[in-house]
């Protein structure tokens, strides 16, 4: 029901030791050979903290605009299926400090809306962005992750300090995904972060390199896929032909909830209550024949005069 990670010991260079136990999520169990153990058997409702670079260079090449758009897509897609938080860096007051942490929560649109526009400062305090991150996650679990999004380099501290901080988070069960916006980002550092954070890919670059909105949206979707996010959340519904489906209690997918007599409205994710839009049924209104309206809630659609 849990695993440990063998990792470096900061106080004893060259030595390794097992991390604290990282529990598997509800309904999941640990399996695999030593060194490759992982949880499986169900889906996860992750806790994700986005560390977002707002240094002045993010205004170049439309990076800030497409980052905001892609993050909006992420919130729309995963905001009910994962707890998401954000921290921007540098802070508004100090060039080599990070802003406040808005802890991971469901549907955190307001927290992201309050992220200030890029700073005039060119400093990129990546190490400071990791300060105080661990406590916001609470008890360890397999679904905790940090997503670092930057187009730059650590300009306020030593790179080794950044990697050591990421290693410490990994030993606590928190994975770190490194996303480089444009090839101006320090790919060498981001690769080290991805390796230390347990998220490096096999192919190079071993971090997530993106250069436009679509690529960033895909990278964020990949993060959630690797975290094995649940396909739906409590209360989610959708249509399948004339059937209304609801998210299962274990959040692992959808199951039939209701057969819709008048068809299912995919926009509202609900059965048409009175009639089928575009169907053959009509209602008389004096000498006028009324068609079913667009929502299926009544016969007040297009009118046809009867001879």
Protein backbone atom coordinates (compact mmCIF):
# COMPACT_ATOMS: atom_id res chain seq x y z
CA UNK A 1 0.00 0.00 0.00
CA UNK A 2 2.98 2.28 -0.36
CA UNK A 3 6.60 2.54 -1.44
CA UNK A 4 9.91 4.23 -0.61
CA UNK A 5 12.41 5.87 -2.95
CA UNK A 6 16.15 5.29 -2.73
CA UNK A 7 17.77 8.69 -3.17
CA UNK A 8 20.83 10.80 -2.34
CA UNK A 9 21.53 12.06 1.17
CA UNK A 10 22.33 15.77 1.25
CA UNK A 11 24.39 15.47 4.44
CA UNK A 12 26.45 12.57 3.08
CA UNK A 13 27.43 13.09 -0.57
CA UNK A 14 27.72 9.81 -2.46
CA UNK A 15 25.40 7.97 -0.07
CA UNK A 16 21.81 6.94 -0.61
CA UNK A 17 18.98 6.11 1.75
CA UNK A 18 15.29 5.19 1.51
CA UNK A 19 12.77 8.01 1.65
CA UNK A 20 9.82 8.17 3.99
CA UNK A 21 6.93 5.93 3.01
CA UNK A 22 4.71 7.27 0.21
CA UNK A 23 1.20 5.80 0.49
CA UNK A 24 -0.79 4.68 -2.53
CA UNK A 25 -4.10 6.39 -3.24
CA UNK A 26 -7.51 5.06 -2.30
CA UNK A 27 -8.18 1.74 -4.03
CA UNK A 28 -4.63 1.42 -5.37
CA UNK A 29 -1.82 -0.92 -4.38
CA UNK A 30 1.94 -1.06 -4.81
CA UNK A 31 3.59 -3.54 -7.16
CA UNK A 32 6.79 -3.96 -9.14
CA UNK A 33 10.39 -4.97 -8.70
CA UNK A 34 12.69 -3.15 -6.28
CA UNK A 35 13.67 0.17 -7.81
CA UNK A 36 10.60 0.15 -10.05
CA UNK A 37 7.80 -0.10 -7.49
CA UNK A 38 4.76 2.05 -8.15
CA UNK A 39 1.10 2.28 -7.21
CA UNK A 40 -1.56 1.10 -9.63
CA UNK A 41 -5.02 -0.34 -9.95
CA UNK A 42 -7.14 2.79 -10.13
CA UNK A 43 -6.96 6.51 -10.76
CA UNK A 44 -5.68 9.44 -8.71
CA UNK A 45 -7.01 12.85 -7.68
CA UNK A 46 -3.67 14.72 -7.67
CA UNK A 47 -2.49 17.80 -5.82
CA UNK A 48 -0.48 20.01 -8.18
CA UNK A 49 1.33 23.27 -7.48
CA UNK A 50 2.27 25.34 -10.54
CA UNK A 51 5.39 27.51 -10.15
CA UNK A 52 4.97 30.16 -12.85
CA UNK A 53 7.79 32.40 -14.08
CA UNK A 54 6.69 36.04 -14.37
CA UNK A 55 10.09 37.57 -15.05
CA UNK A 56 10.25 40.29 -17.71
CA UNK A 57 11.47 37.88 -20.39
CA UNK A 58 8.07 36.16 -20.33
CA UNK A 59 6.72 39.15 -22.28
CA UNK A 60 8.93 38.23 -25.24
CA UNK A 61 7.53 36.19 -28.11
CA UNK A 62 4.02 36.16 -26.64
CA UNK A 63 5.09 33.65 -23.98
CA UNK A 64 3.02 35.11 -21.17
CA UNK A 65 -0.13 35.26 -23.30
CA UNK A 66 0.11 31.68 -24.50
CA UNK A 67 1.09 30.44 -21.02
CA UNK A 68 -2.03 32.06 -19.57
CA UNK A 69 -4.19 30.57 -22.33
CA UNK A 70 -2.76 27.06 -21.86
CA UNK A 71 -3.17 27.27 -18.08
CA UNK A 72 -6.79 28.29 -18.65
CA UNK A 73 -7.25 25.17 -20.77
CA UNK A 74 -5.69 23.11 -17.96
CA UNK A 75 -8.07 24.55 -15.37
CA UNK A 76 -11.07 23.87 -17.59
CA UNK A 77 -9.99 20.28 -18.19
CA UNK A 78 -8.64 19.26 -14.80
CA UNK A 79 -9.93 21.84 -12.28
CA UNK A 80 -12.62 19.46 -10.97
CA UNK A 81 -10.47 16.34 -11.17
CA UNK A 82 -7.38 17.62 -9.36
CA UNK A 83 -6.45 20.12 -6.69
CA UNK A 84 -4.40 22.84 -8.38
CA UNK A 85 -2.46 25.71 -6.80
CA UNK A 86 -0.12 28.40 -8.08
CA UNK A 87 2.86 30.50 -7.09
CA UNK A 88 4.37 33.17 -9.33
CA UNK A 89 7.99 34.28 -9.20
CA UNK A 90 9.61 36.76 -8.79
CA UNK A 91 7.39 38.49 -6.22
CA UNK A 92 6.02 41.96 -6.84
CA UNK A 93 8.17 43.44 -4.08
CA UNK A 94 11.52 41.64 -4.20
CA UNK A 95 13.28 40.54 -7.41
CA UNK A 96 14.96 37.49 -5.85
CA UNK A 97 11.94 36.27 -3.87
CA UNK A 98 8.80 34.41 -4.88
CA UNK A 99 5.18 35.42 -4.43
CA UNK A 100 2.65 33.90 -2.05
CA UNK A 101 1.57 30.29 -2.49
CA UNK A 102 -2.07 29.69 -3.31
CA UNK A 103 -2.50 26.14 -2.07
CA UNK A 104 -3.91 23.41 -4.34
CA UNK A 105 -7.71 23.46 -4.46
CA UNK A 106 -10.54 22.34 -6.74
CA UNK A 107 -11.58 24.88 -9.42
CA UNK A 108 -8.89 27.44 -8.48
CA UNK A 109 -9.77 29.94 -11.23
CA UNK A 110 -9.70 32.89 -8.85
CA UNK A 111 -6.20 32.05 -7.62
CA UNK A 112 -4.85 32.02 -11.18
CA UNK A 113 -6.73 35.19 -12.05
CA UNK A 114 -4.87 36.98 -9.26
CA UNK A 115 -1.41 36.15 -10.63
CA UNK A 116 0.17 39.53 -11.51
CA UNK A 117 1.46 40.37 -14.99
CA UNK A 118 5.19 39.86 -15.65
CA UNK A 119 7.54 41.97 -13.54
CA UNK A 120 9.91 44.64 -14.77
CA UNK A 121 12.66 42.68 -13.03
CA UNK A 122 14.63 40.25 -15.14
CA UNK A 123 15.57 38.05 -12.17
CA UNK A 124 14.39 34.43 -12.14
CA UNK A 125 14.52 33.12 -8.54
CA UNK A 126 13.80 29.42 -9.13
CA UNK A 127 15.18 28.27 -5.78
CA UNK A 128 13.03 30.85 -3.97
CA UNK A 129 9.99 29.50 -5.84
CA UNK A 130 10.54 26.15 -4.08
CA UNK A 131 10.78 27.72 -0.61
CA UNK A 132 7.98 26.56 1.67
CA UNK A 133 6.43 24.27 -0.93
CA UNK A 134 6.41 21.04 1.08
CA UNK A 135 3.99 22.11 3.86
CA UNK A 136 1.18 23.07 1.44
CA UNK A 137 0.74 19.43 0.42
CA UNK A 138 -0.12 17.99 3.84
CA UNK A 139 0.33 14.26 4.38
CA UNK A 140 2.45 12.44 1.76
CA UNK A 141 0.68 10.61 -1.05
CA UNK A 142 1.55 9.42 -4.54
CA UNK A 143 -0.38 12.17 -6.35
CA UNK A 144 1.59 15.23 -5.23
CA UNK A 145 3.52 17.19 -7.85
CA UNK A 146 5.12 20.52 -8.66
CA UNK A 147 5.08 21.89 -12.22
CA UNK A 148 7.82 24.45 -12.83
CA UNK A 149 7.17 26.67 -15.88
CA UNK A 150 10.01 28.99 -16.87
CA UNK A 151 11.72 30.53 -19.87
CA UNK A 152 14.91 31.39 -18.03
CA UNK A 153 17.66 30.37 -15.64
CA UNK A 154 18.32 30.53 -11.92
CA UNK A 155 19.74 34.05 -11.50
CA UNK A 156 19.58 34.50 -7.72
CA UNK A 157 21.07 31.31 -6.26
CA UNK A 158 23.22 28.28 -7.00
CA UNK A 159 21.82 25.69 -9.42
CA UNK A 160 22.97 22.84 -7.17
CA UNK A 161 20.75 24.28 -4.44
CA UNK A 162 17.74 24.07 -6.76
CA UNK A 163 18.47 20.42 -7.57
CA UNK A 164 18.97 19.58 -3.88
CA UNK A 165 15.61 21.15 -3.05
CA UNK A 166 13.90 19.09 -5.76
CA UNK A 167 15.59 15.93 -4.48
CA UNK A 168 14.29 16.67 -0.98
CA UNK A 169 10.75 17.05 -2.33
CA UNK A 170 11.06 13.77 -4.22
CA UNK A 171 12.19 11.98 -1.07
CA UNK A 172 8.97 13.25 0.50
CA UNK A 173 6.94 11.86 -2.44
CA UNK A 174 6.45 15.10 -4.40
CA UNK A 175 7.43 14.82 -8.06
CA UNK A 176 8.65 17.85 -10.01
CA UNK A 177 7.91 18.37 -13.71
CA UNK A 178 10.13 20.90 -15.49
CA UNK A 179 8.60 22.83 -18.40
CA UNK A 180 10.86 25.06 -20.50
CA UNK A 181 9.06 27.79 -22.43
CA UNK A 182 11.24 28.37 -25.50
CA UNK A 183 14.80 27.27 -26.12
CA UNK A 184 16.05 30.25 -24.16
CA UNK A 185 15.33 28.37 -20.94
CA UNK A 186 18.32 26.68 -19.31
CA UNK A 187 17.78 23.18 -20.64
CA UNK A 188 20.69 21.73 -18.68
CA UNK A 189 19.19 22.89 -15.37
CA UNK A 190 15.67 21.83 -16.34
CA UNK A 191 16.94 18.37 -17.24
CA UNK A 192 18.64 18.08 -13.85
CA UNK A 193 15.39 19.16 -12.18
CA UNK A 194 13.39 16.58 -14.13
CA UNK A 195 15.84 13.81 -13.20
CA UNK A 196 15.92 14.83 -9.53
CA UNK A 197 12.14 15.20 -9.52
CA UNK A 198 11.50 11.71 -10.88
CA UNK A 199 9.86 12.90 -14.11
CA UNK A 200 12.64 12.77 -16.72
CA UNK A 201 11.69 11.30 -20.08
CA UNK A 202 13.78 8.70 -21.91
CA UNK A 203 14.30 10.86 -24.98
CA UNK A 204 16.06 14.22 -24.96
CA UNK A 205 15.27 16.80 -23.97
CA UNK A 206 14.40 14.93 -20.78
CA UNK A 207 12.23 17.81 -19.60
CA UNK A 208 9.13 19.24 -21.34
CA UNK A 209 10.15 21.80 -23.96
CA UNK A 210 7.33 23.92 -25.43
CA UNK A 211 7.27 26.87 -27.81
CA UNK A 212 3.59 27.74 -28.23
CA UNK A 213 0.19 27.46 -26.60
CA UNK A 214 -0.74 24.11 -28.14
CA UNK A 215 2.53 22.51 -27.06
CA UNK A 216 2.16 23.81 -23.51
CA UNK A 217 -1.44 22.58 -23.30
CA UNK A 218 -0.25 19.16 -24.50
CA UNK A 219 2.61 19.17 -21.96
CA UNK A 220 0.23 19.95 -19.10
CA UNK A 221 -2.12 17.20 -20.27
CA UNK A 222 0.86 14.83 -20.29
CA UNK A 223 1.63 15.78 -16.69
CA UNK A 224 -1.86 14.78 -15.62
CA UNK A 225 -1.76 11.59 -17.66
CA UNK A 226 1.48 10.60 -15.92
CA UNK A 227 -0.13 11.38 -12.56
CA UNK A 228 -2.95 8.99 -13.61
CA UNK A 229 -5.66 11.56 -12.96
CA UNK A 230 -9.21 10.23 -12.71
CA UNK A 231 -11.26 10.60 -15.92
CA UNK A 232 -14.15 12.29 -14.09
CA UNK A 233 -15.14 13.94 -10.82
CA UNK A 234 -18.06 13.55 -8.42
CA UNK A 235 -21.20 14.86 -10.09
CA UNK A 236 -19.82 14.81 -13.65
CA UNK A 237 -22.31 13.73 -16.34
CA UNK A 238 -22.18 13.36 -20.10
CA UNK A 239 -24.29 12.04 -22.97
CA UNK A 240 -23.79 8.87 -24.97
CA UNK A 241 -26.40 8.97 -27.70
CA UNK A 242 -29.77 8.92 -25.91
CA UNK A 243 -28.23 7.77 -22.62
CA UNK A 244 -27.12 10.00 -19.76
CA UNK A 245 -23.95 8.77 -18.06
CA UNK A 246 -22.68 9.70 -14.59
CA UNK A 247 -19.23 9.42 -13.02
CA UNK A 248 -18.84 6.22 -11.01
CA UNK A 249 -18.45 6.43 -7.25
CA UNK A 250 -14.80 5.37 -7.54
CA UNK A 251 -14.20 8.08 -10.22
CA UNK A 252 -12.68 5.56 -12.64
CA UNK A 253 -15.11 6.28 -15.48
CA UNK A 254 -18.74 6.74 -16.46
CA UNK A 255 -21.72 4.41 -16.06
CA UNK A 256 -25.32 4.63 -17.36
CA UNK A 257 -27.51 6.85 -15.18
CA UNK A 258 -30.68 7.31 -17.25
CA UNK A 259 -32.13 6.42 -20.64
CA UNK A 260 -33.45 9.68 -22.09
CA UNK A 261 -36.91 9.34 -23.67
CA UNK A 262 -36.46 12.51 -25.72
CA UNK A 263 -32.71 12.33 -26.23
CA UNK A 264 -29.76 13.70 -24.29
CA UNK A 265 -28.52 17.30 -24.49
CA UNK A 266 -24.68 17.15 -24.66
CA UNK A 267 -24.31 20.85 -23.84
CA UNK A 268 -26.33 20.58 -20.64
CA UNK A 269 -25.35 16.95 -19.92
CA UNK A 270 -29.03 16.23 -19.16
CA UNK A 271 -32.05 14.58 -20.73
CA UNK A 272 -34.37 16.75 -22.84
CA UNK A 273 -37.36 16.99 -20.47
CA UNK A 274 -40.39 17.44 -22.76
CA UNK A 275 -39.61 16.74 -26.40
CA UNK A 276 -36.82 15.90 -28.84
CA UNK A 277 -35.39 18.94 -30.69
CA UNK A 278 -35.62 18.42 -34.43
CA UNK A 279 -37.90 15.43 -33.96
CA UNK A 280 -41.25 14.62 -35.56
CA UNK A 281 -43.37 15.64 -32.55
CA UNK A 282 -45.25 18.96 -32.70
CA UNK A 283 -47.87 20.73 -30.59
CA UNK A 284 -50.84 22.76 -31.79
CA UNK A 285 -51.29 26.40 -30.80
CA UNK A 286 -54.64 27.36 -32.31
CA UNK A 287 -54.11 27.21 -36.05
CA UNK A 288 -50.34 27.17 -35.59
CA UNK A 289 -48.14 24.14 -35.24
CA UNK A 290 -45.16 24.58 -32.90
CA UNK A 291 -41.95 22.59 -33.03
CA UNK A 292 -39.87 21.46 -30.07
CA UNK A 293 -37.44 24.17 -28.97
CA UNK A 294 -33.66 23.80 -28.97
CA UNK A 295 -33.46 22.68 -25.33
CA UNK A 296 -36.27 20.14 -25.52
CA UNK A 297 -38.05 21.99 -22.70
CA UNK A 298 -41.24 22.81 -24.62
CA UNK A 299 -43.03 23.39 -27.93
CA UNK A 300 -42.21 27.02 -28.54
CA UNK A 301 -39.83 26.60 -31.44
CA UNK A 302 -40.41 27.35 -35.11
CA UNK A 303 -44.10 27.96 -35.99
CA UNK A 304 -45.96 26.65 -39.05
CA UNK A 305 -49.40 28.07 -39.99
CA UNK A 306 -51.98 25.34 -40.60
CA UNK A 307 -54.43 25.71 -43.48
